[in-house]
Amino acid sequence: MQRLRLILWALVLVTGATATIFYLTGQPRQAVTSFGGEFTLQSTAGGSFSDRDLAGTPSLVFFGYTFCPDVCPTTLAETTGWRAELGLDETDLRIIFVSVDPERDTLEVMKEYVAFFGGPVIGLTGTPEQVETAKSVFGVFSKKVEDPGVADYLVDHTASVLMIDRDGNFLGTIVYEENRETALAKIRRLLDA
């Protein structure tokens, strides 16, 4: 019986050590296309933006909407702040804001909105079908929440920032209200990938 306990404890220690190593060395990379494939949206930078355009420059991608009362403006302010704090510009790290509310977030509305965040932010929108495809590719969620008697509506949505490396691969996430130092460490890792 004592021998069985020793074997079980050894397995627990090996499993714990393995999990710790995976945690410390980072999340495994996955190609964005493993989330669902191709997408094309209209860009506030001009023209269209597709899955192929993700390659070339590391990116922080966030899905939200311009009428969002708190999460979206906070997250966009944080991402532009992190980029500035690291002494980077849009050629080093792109910030991409994808609308989950294409009915209200026209290209003109998106242009005005992303201009508020000091430093270039690429805004992407499209038809409801195009946005649904992009959400599927990135594995994000959104759902319109309508309140009877209220003209405007809210949209529940994934609140994490997705990190995409220079090869267009998904590297990990920065969760909403993540500790600043942790977020900066993750971005440094993204830049080194």
Protein backbone atom coordinates (compact mmCIF):
# COMPACT_ATOMS: atom_id res chain seq x y z
CA MET A 1 0.00 0.00 0.00
CA GLN A 2 2.83 2.40 0.84
CA ARG A 3 4.43 1.68 -2.52
CA LEU A 4 1.17 2.57 -4.31
CA ARG A 5 1.02 5.90 -2.43
CA LEU A 6 4.59 6.71 -3.44
CA ILE A 7 3.79 5.96 -7.09
CA LEU A 8 0.65 8.13 -6.96
CA TRP A 9 2.54 11.02 -5.33
CA ALA A 10 5.28 10.71 -7.94
CA LEU A 11 2.64 10.96 -10.68
CA VAL A 12 1.15 14.05 -9.01
CA LEU A 13 4.58 15.69 -8.85
CA VAL A 14 5.39 14.87 -12.49
CA THR A 15 2.01 16.19 -13.63
CA GLY A 16 2.47 19.38 -11.59
CA ALA A 17 5.99 19.91 -12.91
CA THR A 18 4.81 19.40 -16.50
CA ALA A 19 1.94 21.84 -16.06
CA THR A 20 4.31 24.41 -14.55
CA ILE A 21 6.72 24.07 -17.47
CA PHE A 22 3.91 24.56 -20.00
CA TYR A 23 2.64 27.58 -18.07
CA LEU A 24 6.06 29.22 -17.83
CA THR A 25 7.04 28.61 -21.44
CA GLY A 26 3.81 30.07 -22.78
CA GLN A 27 0.78 28.88 -24.62
CA PRO A 28 1.18 26.77 -27.72
CA ARG A 29 0.77 28.67 -30.96
CA GLN A 30 -2.14 27.97 -33.22
CA ALA A 31 -2.79 29.36 -36.66
CA VAL A 32 -5.74 31.74 -36.72
CA THR A 33 -7.15 29.66 -39.57
CA SER A 34 -7.58 26.78 -37.11
CA PHE A 35 -10.42 28.84 -35.66
CA GLY A 36 -12.40 28.70 -38.85
CA GLY A 37 -10.63 29.98 -41.94
CA GLU A 38 -10.82 33.04 -44.09
CA PHE A 39 -12.52 36.38 -43.52
CA THR A 40 -12.69 39.75 -45.25
CA LEU A 41 -13.87 43.02 -43.67
CA GLN A 42 -13.72 46.70 -44.59
CA SER A 43 -10.92 48.68 -42.94
CA THR A 44 -10.84 52.23 -41.63
CA ALA A 45 -7.30 52.33 -43.06
CA GLY A 46 -8.82 51.95 -46.54
CA GLY A 47 -9.86 48.98 -48.63
CA SER A 48 -10.45 45.55 -47.24
CA PHE A 49 -8.66 43.55 -44.55
CA SER A 50 -8.53 39.76 -44.63
CA ASP A 51 -6.99 36.87 -42.73
CA ARG A 52 -3.96 37.16 -45.06
CA ASP A 53 -3.36 40.72 -43.83
CA LEU A 54 -2.71 39.47 -40.30
CA ALA A 55 0.79 38.37 -41.30
CA GLY A 56 3.65 40.86 -41.27
CA THR A 57 3.17 42.80 -38.03
CA PRO A 58 2.23 41.52 -34.56
CA SER A 59 -1.30 42.56 -33.66
CA LEU A 60 -3.62 43.00 -30.71
CA VAL A 61 -7.14 42.21 -31.95
CA PHE A 62 -10.23 43.17 -29.96
CA PHE A 63 -13.87 42.55 -30.86
CA GLY A 64 -16.39 45.08 -29.56
CA TYR A 65 -18.66 47.92 -30.63
CA THR A 66 -18.68 51.70 -30.65
CA PHE A 67 -21.79 52.06 -28.45
CA CYS A 68 -20.17 49.96 -25.71
CA PRO A 69 -20.39 51.91 -22.44
CA ASP A 70 -17.29 50.58 -20.66
CA VAL A 71 -15.34 47.48 -21.76
CA CYS A 72 -14.51 48.62 -25.30
CA PRO A 73 -13.27 52.15 -24.61
CA THR A 74 -11.33 50.93 -21.57
CA THR A 75 -9.69 48.12 -23.53
CA LEU A 76 -8.78 50.31 -26.50
CA ALA A 77 -7.31 52.95 -24.18
CA GLU A 78 -5.28 50.24 -22.43
CA THR A 79 -3.97 48.71 -25.66
CA THR A 80 -2.84 52.07 -27.06
CA GLY A 81 -1.35 52.89 -23.65
CA TRP A 82 0.61 49.61 -23.56
CA ARG A 83 1.94 50.25 -27.04
CA ALA A 84 3.04 53.77 -26.07
CA GLU A 85 4.58 52.57 -22.80
CA LEU A 86 6.70 50.05 -24.70
CA GLY A 87 7.85 52.79 -27.09
CA LEU A 88 6.19 51.14 -30.08
CA ASP A 89 4.24 52.48 -33.02
CA GLU A 90 1.82 50.89 -35.49
CA THR A 91 4.70 49.46 -37.55
CA ASP A 92 5.81 47.47 -34.47
CA LEU A 93 2.42 46.50 -33.07
CA ARG A 94 -0.97 46.93 -34.72
CA ILE A 95 -4.14 47.43 -32.73
CA ILE A 96 -7.21 46.12 -34.54
CA PHE A 97 -10.76 46.78 -33.37
CA VAL A 98 -13.41 44.56 -35.00
CA SER A 99 -17.08 45.54 -34.69
CA VAL A 100 -19.60 42.99 -33.46
CA ASP A 101 -22.40 45.48 -34.19
CA PRO A 102 -22.25 46.09 -37.96
CA GLU A 103 -25.80 47.47 -38.04
CA ARG A 104 -24.69 50.62 -36.18
CA ASP A 105 -20.93 50.50 -36.74
CA THR A 106 -20.59 51.71 -40.29
CA LEU A 107 -17.13 52.43 -41.67
CA GLU A 108 -17.61 56.16 -41.01
CA VAL A 109 -18.70 55.56 -37.40
CA MET A 110 -15.71 53.26 -36.89
CA LYS A 111 -13.30 55.87 -38.34
CA GLU A 112 -14.53 58.50 -35.90
CA TYR A 113 -14.45 56.10 -32.97
CA VAL A 114 -10.92 54.69 -33.41
CA ALA A 115 -9.55 58.23 -33.91
CA PHE A 116 -10.28 58.96 -30.21
CA PHE A 117 -7.65 56.55 -28.94
CA GLY A 118 -4.45 58.41 -29.76
CA GLY A 119 -2.29 56.45 -32.11
CA PRO A 120 -3.49 54.55 -35.09
CA VAL A 121 -6.07 51.85 -34.44
CA ILE A 122 -7.41 49.88 -37.39
CA GLY A 123 -11.19 49.54 -37.28
CA LEU A 124 -12.86 46.68 -39.14
CA THR A 125 -16.52 46.22 -40.00
CA GLY A 126 -18.65 44.68 -42.71
CA THR A 127 -21.98 43.08 -43.40
CA PRO A 128 -23.55 41.02 -40.61
CA GLU A 129 -22.52 37.88 -42.51
CA GLN A 130 -18.91 39.04 -42.85
CA VAL A 131 -18.74 39.89 -39.14
CA GLU A 132 -20.19 36.49 -38.21
CA THR A 133 -17.50 34.82 -40.32
CA ALA A 134 -14.73 36.86 -38.64
CA LYS A 135 -16.13 36.03 -35.18
CA SER A 136 -16.07 32.36 -36.10
CA VAL A 137 -12.48 32.56 -37.39
CA PHE A 138 -11.30 34.13 -34.13
CA GLY A 139 -13.53 32.03 -31.89
CA VAL A 140 -15.25 34.99 -30.25
CA PHE A 141 -18.83 35.43 -29.04
CA SER A 142 -21.33 38.25 -29.23
CA LYS A 143 -25.07 38.54 -28.72
CA LYS A 144 -27.39 41.52 -28.95
CA VAL A 145 -29.21 42.23 -25.67
CA GLU A 146 -32.41 44.12 -26.26
CA ASP A 147 -34.31 45.73 -23.43
CA PRO A 148 -38.00 46.39 -24.14
CA GLY A 149 -38.75 50.06 -23.81
CA VAL A 150 -35.15 51.12 -24.48
CA ALA A 151 -34.29 52.37 -27.95
CA ASP A 152 -30.62 51.46 -27.82
CA TYR A 153 -29.32 47.99 -27.16
CA LEU A 154 -26.18 46.51 -25.67
CA VAL A 155 -24.10 43.67 -27.07
CA ASP A 156 -22.55 41.01 -24.86
CA HIS A 157 -19.19 40.01 -26.32
CA THR A 158 -15.85 38.38 -25.68
CA ALA A 159 -13.77 40.87 -23.72
CA SER A 160 -10.28 39.44 -24.26
CA VAL A 161 -7.61 40.93 -26.51
CA LEU A 162 -6.30 38.33 -28.96
CA MET A 163 -2.57 38.35 -29.66
CA ILE A 164 -1.56 37.52 -33.23
CA ASP A 165 2.13 37.12 -34.06
CA ARG A 166 3.93 38.39 -37.16
CA ASP A 167 3.22 35.10 -38.97
CA GLY A 168 -0.53 35.48 -38.44
CA ASN A 169 -0.66 32.84 -35.70
CA PHE A 170 -2.74 33.09 -32.53
CA LEU A 171 -0.35 33.39 -29.58
CA GLY A 172 -2.70 33.94 -26.62
CA THR A 173 -4.99 36.45 -24.93
CA ILE A 174 -4.90 39.38 -22.58
CA VAL A 175 -8.02 39.22 -20.44
CA TYR A 176 -10.15 42.23 -19.57
CA GLU A 177 -8.58 44.24 -16.72
CA GLU A 178 -5.46 42.05 -16.73
CA ASN A 179 -2.66 43.26 -14.47
CA ARG A 180 -0.63 45.87 -16.38
CA GLU A 181 2.73 44.16 -15.82
CA THR A 182 1.33 40.81 -16.93
CA ALA A 183 -0.16 42.38 -20.07
CA LEU A 184 3.14 44.10 -20.91
CA ALA A 185 5.05 40.83 -20.40
CA LYS A 186 2.65 39.07 -22.77
CA ILE A 187 3.12 41.78 -25.40
CA ARG A 188 6.91 41.51 -25.10
CA ARG A 189 6.60 37.77 -25.66
CA LEU A 190 4.38 38.46 -28.70
CA LEU A 191 7.01 40.80 -30.15
CA ASP A 192 9.76 38.21 -29.63
CA ALA A 193 7.76 35.39 -31.25
